[in-house]
Amino acid sequence: MVVRLDRRHHGRRHSDWNSWISREETTNGLHTNPAYTKQHGYCFDVPAIGEAKPIALVDMGCFSHEAIAVDPATGIVYESEDSTPSGF
């Protein structure tokens, strides 16, 4: 998986477990248009070094991801979204 900063992979955040969390800032895909072959709007855990398969972290939800923060004491990941209107 190549991580790049563009419309689909909005950003990366270095995790406390030596990887990057790449986030898609779009929900285009099967939920919005049956012509798509994949759903977008997921996060991916990408090793800091080496190659990785693009496996979506579906438990983190499917929405327009803006940012995440990891609590180093608990390992809990907090997420924010980037859409108008916003709100979970």
C-alpha atoms as a PDB file:
ATOM      1  CA  MET A   1       0.000   0.000   0.000  1.00  0.00           C
ATOM      2  CA  VAL A   2       1.350   3.408  -0.917  1.00  0.00           C
ATOM      3  CA  VAL A   3       0.298   6.067   1.555  1.00  0.00           C
ATOM      4  CA  ARG A   4      -0.124   9.442  -0.018  1.00  0.00           C
ATOM      5  CA  LEU A   5      -1.777  12.633   1.097  1.00  0.00           C
ATOM      6  CA  ASP A   6      -4.635  13.253  -1.304  1.00  0.00           C
ATOM      7  CA  ARG A   7      -8.439  13.310  -1.300  1.00  0.00           C
ATOM      8  CA  ARG A   8      -8.781   9.645  -0.425  1.00  0.00           C
ATOM      9  CA  HIS A   9      -6.071   9.308   2.212  1.00  0.00           C
ATOM     10  CA  HIS A  10      -6.449  12.587   4.028  1.00  0.00           C
ATOM     11  CA  GLY A  11      -3.646  12.177   6.466  1.00  0.00           C
ATOM     12  CA  ARG A  12      -1.506  10.004   8.609  1.00  0.00           C
ATOM     13  CA  ARG A  13      -0.951   9.918  12.305  1.00  0.00           C
ATOM     14  CA  HIS A  14       1.988   8.047  13.802  1.00  0.00           C
ATOM     15  CA  SER A  15       0.625   5.537  16.298  1.00  0.00           C
ATOM     16  CA  ASP A  16       2.183   4.531  19.565  1.00  0.00           C
ATOM     17  CA  TRP A  17       2.726   1.012  18.177  1.00  0.00           C
ATOM     18  CA  ASN A  18       5.178   2.084  15.397  1.00  0.00           C
ATOM     19  CA  SER A  19       2.790   2.387  12.479  1.00  0.00           C
ATOM     20  CA  TRP A  20       0.714   5.029  10.712  1.00  0.00           C
ATOM     21  CA  ILE A  21      -3.055   5.338  10.740  1.00  0.00           C
ATOM     22  CA  SER A  22      -4.030   6.454   7.260  1.00  0.00           C
ATOM     23  CA  ARG A  23      -7.534   7.888   6.961  1.00  0.00           C
ATOM     24  CA  GLU A  24      -9.816   8.261   3.965  1.00  0.00           C
ATOM     25  CA  GLU A  25     -11.637  11.569   3.852  1.00  0.00           C
ATOM     26  CA  THR A  26     -14.429  10.406   1.579  1.00  0.00           C
ATOM     27  CA  THR A  27     -17.348   8.005   1.723  1.00  0.00           C
ATOM     28  CA  ASN A  28     -17.601   7.455  -2.021  1.00  0.00           C
ATOM     29  CA  GLY A  29     -18.192   3.838  -2.878  1.00  0.00           C
ATOM     30  CA  LEU A  30     -20.790   1.119  -2.826  1.00  0.00           C
ATOM     31  CA  HIS A  31     -22.875   3.006  -0.222  1.00  0.00           C
ATOM     32  CA  THR A  32     -23.224   6.016  -2.532  1.00  0.00           C
ATOM     33  CA  ASN A  33     -22.939   4.590  -6.040  1.00  0.00           C
ATOM     34  CA  PRO A  34     -23.303   0.943  -7.143  1.00  0.00           C
ATOM     35  CA  ALA A  35     -20.856   1.575 -10.000  1.00  0.00           C
ATOM     36  CA  TYR A  36     -17.973   1.624  -7.488  1.00  0.00           C
ATOM     37  CA  THR A  37     -16.135  -1.628  -6.799  1.00  0.00           C
ATOM     38  CA  LYS A  38     -14.928  -0.677  -3.286  1.00  0.00           C
ATOM     39  CA  GLN A  39     -16.284   1.335  -0.390  1.00  0.00           C
ATOM     40  CA  HIS A  40     -14.191   4.248   0.883  1.00  0.00           C
ATOM     41  CA  GLY A  41     -14.259   6.036   4.236  1.00  0.00           C
ATOM     42  CA  TYR A  42     -12.074   3.743   6.336  1.00  0.00           C
ATOM     43  CA  CYS A  43      -8.836   3.891   8.320  1.00  0.00           C
ATOM     44  CA  PHE A  44      -5.795   1.702   7.643  1.00  0.00           C
ATOM     45  CA  ASP A  45      -2.983   0.672  10.003  1.00  0.00           C
ATOM     46  CA  VAL A  46       0.196   0.925   7.939  1.00  0.00           C
ATOM     47  CA  PRO A  47       3.621  -0.234   9.224  1.00  0.00           C
ATOM     48  CA  ALA A  48       6.136   2.588   9.553  1.00  0.00           C
ATOM     49  CA  ILE A  49       8.647   0.468   7.615  1.00  0.00           C
ATOM     50  CA  GLY A  50       8.003  -1.987   4.805  1.00  0.00           C
ATOM     51  CA  GLU A  51       4.993  -2.910   2.738  1.00  0.00           C
ATOM     52  CA  ALA A  52       1.447  -3.636   3.836  1.00  0.00           C
ATOM     53  CA  LYS A  53      -1.798  -4.907   2.398  1.00  0.00           C
ATOM     54  CA  PRO A  54      -4.552  -2.275   2.379  1.00  0.00           C
ATOM     55  CA  ILE A  55      -6.929  -3.844   4.902  1.00  0.00           C
ATOM     56  CA  ALA A  56      -9.597  -1.475   6.197  1.00  0.00           C
ATOM     57  CA  LEU A  57     -10.058  -1.161   9.959  1.00  0.00           C
ATOM     58  CA  VAL A  58     -13.842  -1.458   9.654  1.00  0.00           C
ATOM     59  CA  ASP A  59     -14.381  -1.288  13.433  1.00  0.00           C
ATOM     60  CA  MET A  60     -13.237   2.352  13.270  1.00  0.00           C
ATOM     61  CA  GLY A  61     -16.283   3.140  11.130  1.00  0.00           C
ATOM     62  CA  CYS A  62     -16.997   4.238   7.596  1.00  0.00           C
ATOM     63  CA  PHE A  63     -17.212   8.028   7.392  1.00  0.00           C
ATOM     64  CA  SER A  64     -15.157  11.014   6.277  1.00  0.00           C
ATOM     65  CA  HIS A  65     -12.226  10.766   8.704  1.00  0.00           C
ATOM     66  CA  GLU A  66     -10.485  14.035   9.536  1.00  0.00           C
ATOM     67  CA  ALA A  67      -8.172  13.282  12.450  1.00  0.00           C
ATOM     68  CA  ILE A  68      -7.390  10.812  15.213  1.00  0.00           C
ATOM     69  CA  ALA A  69      -5.688  11.000  18.565  1.00  0.00           C
ATOM     70  CA  VAL A  70      -4.379   8.084  20.613  1.00  0.00           C
ATOM     71  CA  ASP A  71      -4.465   8.208  24.410  1.00  0.00           C
ATOM     72  CA  PRO A  72      -1.031   6.799  25.354  1.00  0.00           C
ATOM     73  CA  ALA A  73      -2.260   5.700  28.776  1.00  0.00           C
ATOM     74  CA  THR A  74      -5.184   3.591  27.518  1.00  0.00           C
ATOM     75  CA  GLY A  75      -4.551   3.041  23.804  1.00  0.00           C
ATOM     76  CA  ILE A  76      -8.031   4.400  23.052  1.00  0.00           C
ATOM     77  CA  VAL A  77      -8.258   6.026  19.620  1.00  0.00           C
ATOM     78  CA  TYR A  78     -10.413   9.146  19.343  1.00  0.00           C
ATOM     79  CA  GLU A  79     -11.666  10.138  15.899  1.00  0.00           C
ATOM     80  CA  SER A  80     -13.138  13.231  14.296  1.00  0.00           C
ATOM     81  CA  GLU A  81     -15.067  13.571  11.075  1.00  0.00           C
ATOM     82  CA  ASP A  82     -14.975  16.099   8.274  1.00  0.00           C
ATOM     83  CA  SER A  83     -18.349  16.614   6.683  1.00  0.00           C
ATOM     84  CA  THR A  84     -21.073  19.208   6.678  1.00  0.00           C
ATOM     85  CA  PRO A  85     -23.206  18.989   8.643  1.00  0.00           C
ATOM     86  CA  SER A  86     -20.983  17.127  11.059  1.00  0.00           C
ATOM     87  CA  GLY A  87     -21.894  15.060  14.065  1.00  0.00           C
ATOM     88  CA  PHE A  88     -22.157  11.403  14.863  1.00  0.00           C
END
